[in-house]
Protein backbone atom coordinates (compact mmCIF):
# COMPACT_ATOMS: atom_id res chain seq x y z
CA UNK A 1 0.00 0.00 0.00
CA UNK A 2 1.21 3.50 -0.81
CA UNK A 3 2.53 5.24 2.32
CA UNK A 4 0.44 8.38 1.74
CA UNK A 5 -2.76 6.33 1.51
CA UNK A 6 -1.81 4.38 4.63
CA UNK A 7 -1.23 7.65 6.50
CA UNK A 8 -4.55 9.06 5.32
CA UNK A 9 -6.49 5.95 6.36
CA UNK A 10 -4.67 5.83 9.70
CA UNK A 11 -5.46 9.48 10.37
CA UNK A 12 -9.16 8.89 9.70
CA UNK A 13 -9.07 5.83 11.98
CA UNK A 14 -7.49 7.81 14.83
CA UNK A 15 -10.04 10.62 14.47
CA UNK A 16 -12.91 8.13 14.60
CA UNK A 17 -11.30 6.34 17.55
CA UNK A 18 -10.95 9.57 19.53
CA UNK A 19 -14.51 10.73 18.84
CA UNK A 20 -16.15 7.37 19.58
CA UNK A 21 -14.00 6.75 22.64
CA UNK A 22 -14.62 10.22 24.07
CA UNK A 23 -18.37 9.85 23.64
CA UNK A 24 -18.36 6.37 25.18
CA UNK A 25 -16.16 7.38 28.14
CA UNK A 26 -18.28 10.45 28.86
CA UNK A 27 -21.50 8.46 28.62
CA UNK A 28 -20.21 5.82 31.03
CA UNK A 29 -19.05 8.54 33.43
CA UNK A 30 -22.39 10.31 33.27
CA UNK A 31 -24.41 7.17 33.87
CA UNK A 32 -22.27 5.46 36.51
CA UNK A 33 -20.33 8.18 38.31
CA UNK A 34 -23.00 10.84 38.86
CA UNK A 35 -23.00 10.58 42.65
CA UNK A 36 -19.39 9.47 43.15
CA UNK A 37 -16.83 11.59 45.02
CA UNK A 38 -14.35 13.78 43.15
CA UNK A 39 -11.45 11.35 43.47
CA UNK A 40 -13.42 8.58 41.71
CA UNK A 41 -14.05 10.98 38.83
CA UNK A 42 -10.37 11.90 38.82
CA UNK A 43 -9.22 8.28 38.69
CA UNK A 44 -11.79 7.34 36.06
CA UNK A 45 -10.87 10.18 33.72
CA UNK A 46 -7.15 9.64 34.33
CA UNK A 47 -7.38 5.96 33.37
CA UNK A 48 -9.86 6.43 30.55
CA UNK A 49 -7.78 9.32 29.23
CA UNK A 50 -4.75 7.08 29.00
CA UNK A 51 -6.54 3.97 27.72
CA UNK A 52 -7.21 5.29 24.20
CA UNK A 53 -3.46 5.55 23.64
CA UNK A 54 -3.09 1.76 23.27
CA UNK A 55 -5.23 1.37 20.12
CA UNK A 56 -3.83 4.65 18.77
CA UNK A 57 -0.30 3.25 19.12
CA UNK A 58 -1.29 0.20 17.09
CA UNK A 59 -2.78 2.39 14.37
CA UNK A 60 0.34 4.57 14.26
CA UNK A 61 2.53 1.48 14.08
CA UNK A 62 0.43 0.24 11.15
CA UNK A 63 0.69 3.66 9.49
CA UNK A 64 4.49 3.52 9.69
CA UNK A 65 4.41 0.32 7.64
CA UNK A 66 6.96 -2.41 7.44
CA UNK A 67 10.54 -1.30 7.72
CA UNK A 68 12.83 -2.41 4.93
CA UNK A 69 15.23 -5.19 5.89
CA UNK A 70 18.84 -4.13 5.97
PDB file of N, CA and C in Angstrom:
ATOM      1  N   UNK A   1       0.844  -1.180   0.000  1.00  0.00           N
ATOM      2  CA  UNK A   1       0.000   0.000   0.000  1.00  0.00           C
ATOM      3  C   UNK A   1       0.888   1.241   0.000  1.00  0.00           C
ATOM      4  N   UNK A   2       0.458   2.254  -0.704  1.00  0.00           N
ATOM      5  CA  UNK A   2       1.206   3.500  -0.807  1.00  0.00           C
ATOM      6  C   UNK A   2       1.249   4.173   0.572  1.00  0.00           C
ATOM      7  N   UNK A   3       2.416   4.641   0.991  1.00  0.00           N
ATOM      8  CA  UNK A   3       2.530   5.239   2.324  1.00  0.00           C
ATOM      9  C   UNK A   3       1.585   6.418   2.560  1.00  0.00           C
ATOM     10  N   UNK A   4       1.336   7.236   1.558  1.00  0.00           N
ATOM     11  CA  UNK A   4       0.436   8.377   1.739  1.00  0.00           C
ATOM     12  C   UNK A   4      -0.992   7.906   1.995  1.00  0.00           C
ATOM     13  N   UNK A   5      -1.414   6.867   1.297  1.00  0.00           N
ATOM     14  CA  UNK A   5      -2.756   6.329   1.509  1.00  0.00           C
ATOM     15  C   UNK A   5      -2.859   5.697   2.891  1.00  0.00           C
ATOM     16  N   UNK A   6      -1.824   4.993   3.299  1.00  0.00           N
ATOM     17  CA  UNK A   6      -1.806   4.381   4.631  1.00  0.00           C
ATOM     18  C   UNK A   6      -1.880   5.447   5.721  1.00  0.00           C
ATOM     19  N   UNK A   7      -1.173   6.558   5.529  1.00  0.00           N
ATOM     20  CA  UNK A   7      -1.225   7.652   6.501  1.00  0.00           C
ATOM     21  C   UNK A   7      -2.609   8.288   6.535  1.00  0.00           C
ATOM     22  N   UNK A   8      -3.221   8.470   5.376  1.00  0.00           N
ATOM     23  CA  UNK A   8      -4.552   9.061   5.321  1.00  0.00           C
ATOM     24  C   UNK A   8      -5.572   8.170   6.025  1.00  0.00           C
ATOM     25  N   UNK A   9      -5.555   6.883   5.736  1.00  0.00           N
ATOM     26  CA  UNK A   9      -6.491   5.948   6.355  1.00  0.00           C
ATOM     27  C   UNK A   9      -6.247   5.890   7.865  1.00  0.00           C
ATOM     28  N   UNK A  10      -4.998   5.850   8.276  1.00  0.00           N
ATOM     29  CA  UNK A  10      -4.670   5.827   9.698  1.00  0.00           C
ATOM     30  C   UNK A  10      -5.135   7.084  10.421  1.00  0.00           C
ATOM     31  N   UNK A  11      -4.999   8.234   9.773  1.00  0.00           N
ATOM     32  CA  UNK A  11      -5.460   9.483  10.373  1.00  0.00           C
ATOM     33  C   UNK A  11      -6.967   9.466  10.574  1.00  0.00           C
ATOM     34  N   UNK A  12      -7.703   8.998   9.580  1.00  0.00           N
ATOM     35  CA  UNK A  12      -9.160   8.892   9.698  1.00  0.00           C
ATOM     36  C   UNK A  12      -9.516   7.917  10.828  1.00  0.00           C
ATOM     37  N   UNK A  13      -8.795   6.801  10.919  1.00  0.00           N
ATOM     38  CA  UNK A  13      -9.070   5.827  11.976  1.00  0.00           C
ATOM     39  C   UNK A  13      -8.835   6.420  13.362  1.00  0.00           C
ATOM     40  N   UNK A  14      -7.781   7.205  13.530  1.00  0.00           N
ATOM     41  CA  UNK A  14      -7.492   7.813  14.829  1.00  0.00           C
ATOM     42  C   UNK A  14      -8.556   8.848  15.183  1.00  0.00           C
ATOM     43  N   UNK A  15      -8.991   9.633  14.207  1.00  0.00           N
ATOM     44  CA  UNK A  15     -10.039  10.621  14.467  1.00  0.00           C
ATOM     45  C   UNK A  15     -11.327   9.935  14.916  1.00  0.00           C
ATOM     46  N   UNK A  16     -11.712   8.870  14.220  1.00  0.00           N
ATOM     47  CA  UNK A  16     -12.914   8.128  14.597  1.00  0.00           C
ATOM     48  C   UNK A  16     -12.742   7.504  15.978  1.00  0.00           C
ATOM     49  N   UNK A  17     -11.580   6.936  16.245  1.00  0.00           N
ATOM     50  CA  UNK A  17     -11.300   6.343  17.552  1.00  0.00           C
ATOM     51  C   UNK A  17     -11.469   7.366  18.669  1.00  0.00           C
ATOM     52  N   UNK A  18     -10.896   8.539  18.491  1.00  0.00           N
ATOM     53  CA  UNK A  18     -10.953   9.567  19.534  1.00  0.00           C
ATOM     54  C   UNK A  18     -12.394  10.025  19.763  1.00  0.00           C
ATOM     55  N   UNK A  19     -13.131  10.251  18.689  1.00  0.00           N
ATOM     56  CA  UNK A  19     -14.515  10.726  18.837  1.00  0.00           C
ATOM     57  C   UNK A  19     -15.381   9.671  19.509  1.00  0.00           C
ATOM     58  N   UNK A  20     -15.324   8.439  19.015  1.00  0.00           N
ATOM     59  CA  UNK A  20     -16.155   7.367  19.579  1.00  0.00           C
ATOM     60  C   UNK A  20     -15.752   7.084  21.020  1.00  0.00           C
ATOM     61  N   UNK A  21     -14.466   7.034  21.293  1.00  0.00           N
ATOM     62  CA  UNK A  21     -13.999   6.749  22.645  1.00  0.00           C
ATOM     63  C   UNK A  21     -14.382   7.858  23.614  1.00  0.00           C
ATOM     64  N   UNK A  22     -14.254   9.109  23.188  1.00  0.00           N
ATOM     65  CA  UNK A  22     -14.618  10.218  24.066  1.00  0.00           C
ATOM     66  C   UNK A  22     -16.108  10.194  24.391  1.00  0.00           C
ATOM     67  N   UNK A  23     -16.929   9.934  23.398  1.00  0.00           N
ATOM     68  CA  UNK A  23     -18.368   9.851  23.644  1.00  0.00           C
ATOM     69  C   UNK A  23     -18.714   8.685  24.570  1.00  0.00           C
ATOM     70  N   UNK A  24     -18.082   7.542  24.347  1.00  0.00           N
ATOM     71  CA  UNK A  24     -18.357   6.372  25.183  1.00  0.00           C
ATOM     72  C   UNK A  24     -17.881   6.605  26.620  1.00  0.00           C
ATOM     73  N   UNK A  25     -16.690   7.154  26.798  1.00  0.00           N
ATOM     74  CA  UNK A  25     -16.160   7.384  28.142  1.00  0.00           C
ATOM     75  C   UNK A  25     -17.005   8.409  28.900  1.00  0.00           C
ATOM     76  N   UNK A  26     -17.448   9.443  28.214  1.00  0.00           N
ATOM     77  CA  UNK A  26     -18.277  10.449  28.865  1.00  0.00           C
ATOM     78  C   UNK A  26     -19.652   9.893  29.213  1.00  0.00           C
ATOM     79  N   UNK A  27     -20.202   9.074  28.336  1.00  0.00           N
ATOM     80  CA  UNK A  27     -21.498   8.462  28.617  1.00  0.00           C
ATOM     81  C   UNK A  27     -21.416   7.541  29.828  1.00  0.00           C
ATOM     82  N   UNK A  28     -20.390   6.720  29.889  1.00  0.00           N
ATOM     83  CA  UNK A  28     -20.210   5.823  31.035  1.00  0.00           C
ATOM     84  C   UNK A  28     -20.046   6.644  32.312  1.00  0.00           C
ATOM     85  N   UNK A  29     -19.256   7.704  32.249  1.00  0.00           N
ATOM     86  CA  UNK A  29     -19.048   8.538  33.435  1.00  0.00           C
ATOM     87  C   UNK A  29     -20.350   9.190  33.871  1.00  0.00           C
ATOM     88  N   UNK A  30     -21.130   9.651  32.931  1.00  0.00           N
ATOM     89  CA  UNK A  30     -22.388  10.312  33.275  1.00  0.00           C
ATOM     90  C   UNK A  30     -23.376   9.339  33.901  1.00  0.00           C
ATOM     91  N   UNK A  31     -23.443   8.139  33.372  1.00  0.00           N
ATOM     92  CA  UNK A  31     -24.410   7.167  33.867  1.00  0.00           C
ATOM     93  C   UNK A  31     -23.991   6.512  35.182  1.00  0.00           C
ATOM     94  N   UNK A  32     -22.715   6.238  35.344  1.00  0.00           N
ATOM     95  CA  UNK A  32     -22.269   5.465  36.505  1.00  0.00           C
ATOM     96  C   UNK A  32     -21.638   6.280  37.627  1.00  0.00           C
ATOM     97  N   UNK A  33     -21.095   7.448  37.305  1.00  0.00           N
ATOM     98  CA  UNK A  33     -20.333   8.185  38.314  1.00  0.00           C
ATOM     99  C   UNK A  33     -21.019   9.464  38.777  1.00  0.00           C
ATOM    100  N   UNK A  34     -22.296   9.586  38.552  1.00  0.00           N
ATOM    101  CA  UNK A  34     -22.997  10.839  38.857  1.00  0.00           C
ATOM    102  C   UNK A  34     -22.906  11.223  40.328  1.00  0.00           C
ATOM    103  N   UNK A  35     -22.994  10.260  41.215  1.00  0.00           N
ATOM    104  CA  UNK A  35     -22.996  10.579  42.651  1.00  0.00           C
ATOM    105  C   UNK A  35     -21.683  10.193  43.343  1.00  0.00           C
ATOM    106  N   UNK A  36     -20.674   9.880  42.576  1.00  0.00           N
ATOM    107  CA  UNK A  36     -19.388   9.475  43.147  1.00  0.00           C
ATOM    108  C   UNK A  36     -18.601  10.694  43.619  1.00  0.00           C
ATOM    109  N   UNK A  37     -17.674  10.476  44.559  1.00  0.00           N
ATOM    110  CA  UNK A  37     -16.830  11.592  45.018  1.00  0.00           C
ATOM    111  C   UNK A  37     -15.850  12.042  43.925  1.00  0.00           C
ATOM    112  N   UNK A  38     -15.218  13.178  44.159  1.00  0.00           N
ATOM    113  CA  UNK A  38     -14.355  13.783  43.150  1.00  0.00           C
ATOM    114  C   UNK A  38     -13.176  12.894  42.787  1.00  0.00           C
ATOM    115  N   UNK A  39     -12.633  12.156  43.757  1.00  0.00           N
ATOM    116  CA  UNK A  39     -11.449  11.354  43.472  1.00  0.00           C
ATOM    117  C   UNK A  39     -11.780  10.158  42.579  1.00  0.00           C
ATOM    118  N   UNK A  40     -13.014   9.656  42.617  1.00  0.00           N
ATOM    119  CA  UNK A  40     -13.418   8.585  41.712  1.00  0.00           C
ATOM    120  C   UNK A  40     -13.487   9.133  40.286  1.00  0.00           C
ATOM    121  N   UNK A  41     -14.024  10.331  40.146  1.00  0.00           N
ATOM    122  CA  UNK A  41     -14.052  10.984  38.830  1.00  0.00           C
ATOM    123  C   UNK A  41     -12.632  11.193  38.315  1.00  0.00           C
ATOM    124  N   UNK A  42     -11.765  11.659  39.199  1.00  0.00           N
ATOM    125  CA  UNK A  42     -10.372  11.903  38.816  1.00  0.00           C
ATOM    126  C   UNK A  42      -9.701  10.626  38.326  1.00  0.00           C
ATOM    127  N   UNK A  43      -9.827   9.552  39.094  1.00  0.00           N
ATOM    128  CA  UNK A  43      -9.217   8.282  38.694  1.00  0.00           C
ATOM    129  C   UNK A  43      -9.815   7.743  37.399  1.00  0.00           C
ATOM    130  N   UNK A  44     -11.135   7.842  37.265  1.00  0.00           N
ATOM    131  CA  UNK A  44     -11.788   7.341  36.055  1.00  0.00           C
ATOM    132  C   UNK A  44     -11.290   8.088  34.818  1.00  0.00           C
ATOM    133  N   UNK A  45     -11.287   9.415  34.891  1.00  0.00           N
ATOM    134  CA  UNK A  45     -10.869  10.177  33.719  1.00  0.00           C
ATOM    135  C   UNK A  45      -9.373  10.082  33.476  1.00  0.00           C
ATOM    136  N   UNK A  46      -8.586   9.865  34.512  1.00  0.00           N
ATOM    137  CA  UNK A  46      -7.155   9.637  34.328  1.00  0.00           C
ATOM    138  C   UNK A  46      -6.922   8.337  33.567  1.00  0.00           C
ATOM    139  N   UNK A  47      -7.564   7.266  34.026  1.00  0.00           N
ATOM    140  CA  UNK A  47      -7.379   5.964  33.374  1.00  0.00           C
ATOM    141  C   UNK A  47      -8.014   5.921  31.983  1.00  0.00           C
ATOM    142  N   UNK A  48      -9.212   6.458  31.862  1.00  0.00           N
ATOM    143  CA  UNK A  48      -9.858   6.426  30.550  1.00  0.00           C
ATOM    144  C   UNK A  48      -9.158   7.379  29.578  1.00  0.00           C
ATOM    145  N   UNK A  49      -8.541   8.419  30.094  1.00  0.00           N
ATOM    146  CA  UNK A  49      -7.782   9.319  29.235  1.00  0.00           C
ATOM    147  C   UNK A  49      -6.506   8.693  28.699  1.00  0.00           C
ATOM    148  N   UNK A  50      -5.961   7.760  29.450  1.00  0.00           N
ATOM    149  CA  UNK A  50      -4.750   7.076  28.995  1.00  0.00           C
ATOM    150  C   UNK A  50      -5.039   5.810  28.183  1.00  0.00           C
ATOM    151  N   UNK A  51      -6.213   5.253  28.358  1.00  0.00           N
ATOM    152  CA  UNK A  51      -6.536   3.972  27.724  1.00  0.00           C
ATOM    153  C   UNK A  51      -6.636   4.052  26.202  1.00  0.00           C
ATOM    154  N   UNK A  52      -7.061   5.187  25.650  1.00  0.00           N
ATOM    155  CA  UNK A  52      -7.210   5.291  24.201  1.00  0.00           C
ATOM    156  C   UNK A  52      -5.865   5.290  23.490  1.00  0.00           C
ATOM    157  N   UNK A  53      -4.783   5.497  24.249  1.00  0.00           N
ATOM    158  CA  UNK A  53      -3.458   5.548  23.638  1.00  0.00           C
ATOM    159  C   UNK A  53      -3.055   4.182  23.083  1.00  0.00           C
ATOM    160  N   UNK A  54      -3.492   3.095  23.725  1.00  0.00           N
ATOM    161  CA  UNK A  54      -3.087   1.762  23.270  1.00  0.00           C
ATOM    162  C   UNK A  54      -3.560   1.459  21.844  1.00  0.00           C
ATOM    163  N   UNK A  55      -4.857   1.616  21.516  1.00  0.00           N
ATOM    164  CA  UNK A  55      -5.231   1.373  20.121  1.00  0.00           C
ATOM    165  C   UNK A  55      -4.632   2.409  19.166  1.00  0.00           C
ATOM    166  N   UNK A  56      -4.437   3.635  19.637  1.00  0.00           N
ATOM    167  CA  UNK A  56      -3.830   4.647  18.775  1.00  0.00           C
ATOM    168  C   UNK A  56      -2.384   4.273  18.433  1.00  0.00           C
ATOM    169  N   UNK A  57      -1.667   3.691  19.396  1.00  0.00           N
ATOM    170  CA  UNK A  57      -0.296   3.249  19.122  1.00  0.00           C
ATOM    171  C   UNK A  57      -0.271   2.168  18.051  1.00  0.00           C
ATOM    172  N   UNK A  58      -1.236   1.251  18.107  1.00  0.00           N
ATOM    173  CA  UNK A  58      -1.288   0.202  17.086  1.00  0.00           C
ATOM    174  C   UNK A  58      -1.584   0.780  15.706  1.00  0.00           C
ATOM    175  N   UNK A  59      -2.461   1.760  15.652  1.00  0.00           N
ATOM    176  CA  UNK A  59      -2.777   2.394  14.369  1.00  0.00           C
ATOM    177  C   UNK A  59      -1.558   3.135  13.828  1.00  0.00           C
ATOM    178  N   UNK A  60      -0.854   3.840  14.693  1.00  0.00           N
ATOM    179  CA  UNK A  60       0.343   4.570  14.259  1.00  0.00           C
ATOM    180  C   UNK A  60       1.427   3.605  13.797  1.00  0.00           C
ATOM    181  N   UNK A  61       1.559   2.484  14.493  1.00  0.00           N
ATOM    182  CA  UNK A  61       2.534   1.475  14.075  1.00  0.00           C
ATOM    183  C   UNK A  61       2.173   0.929  12.695  1.00  0.00           C
ATOM    184  N   UNK A  62       0.871   0.710  12.456  1.00  0.00           N
ATOM    185  CA  UNK A  62       0.432   0.239  11.146  1.00  0.00           C
ATOM    186  C   UNK A  62       0.688   1.311  10.086  1.00  0.00           C
ATOM    187  N   UNK A  63       0.468   2.570  10.436  1.00  0.00           N
ATOM    188  CA  UNK A  63       0.689   3.664   9.490  1.00  0.00           C
ATOM    189  C   UNK A  63       2.149   3.746   9.072  1.00  0.00           C
ATOM    190  N   UNK A  64       3.058   3.453   9.991  1.00  0.00           N
ATOM    191  CA  UNK A  64       4.488   3.522   9.686  1.00  0.00           C
ATOM    192  C   UNK A  64       4.884   2.464   8.674  1.00  0.00           C
ATOM    193  N   UNK A  65       4.143   1.375   8.623  1.00  0.00           N
ATOM    194  CA  UNK A  65       4.411   0.324   7.639  1.00  0.00           C
ATOM    195  C   UNK A  65       5.596  -0.534   8.032  1.00  0.00           C
ATOM    196  N   UNK A  66       5.852  -1.493   7.197  1.00  0.00           N
ATOM    197  CA  UNK A  66       6.956  -2.413   7.440  1.00  0.00           C
ATOM    198  C   UNK A  66       8.264  -1.712   7.108  1.00  0.00           C
ATOM    199  N   UNK A  67       9.223  -1.883   7.984  1.00  0.00           N
ATOM    200  CA  UNK A  67      10.542  -1.299   7.717  1.00  0.00           C
ATOM    201  C   UNK A  67      11.310  -2.204   6.769  1.00  0.00           C
ATOM    202  N   UNK A  68      12.035  -1.591   5.861  1.00  0.00           N
ATOM    203  CA  UNK A  68      12.829  -2.413   4.934  1.00  0.00           C
ATOM    204  C   UNK A  68      13.935  -3.149   5.679  1.00  0.00           C
ATOM    205  N   UNK A  69      14.176  -4.383   5.261  1.00  0.00           N
ATOM    206  CA  UNK A  69      15.230  -5.187   5.895  1.00  0.00           C
ATOM    207  C   UNK A  69      16.579  -4.714   5.391  1.00  0.00           C
ATOM    208  N   UNK A  70      17.506  -4.610   6.328  1.00  0.00           N
ATOM    209  CA  UNK A  70      18.836  -4.130   5.970  1.00  0.00           C
ATOM    210  C   UNK A  70      19.800  -5.278   5.884  1.00  0.00           C
TER     211      UNK A  70
END
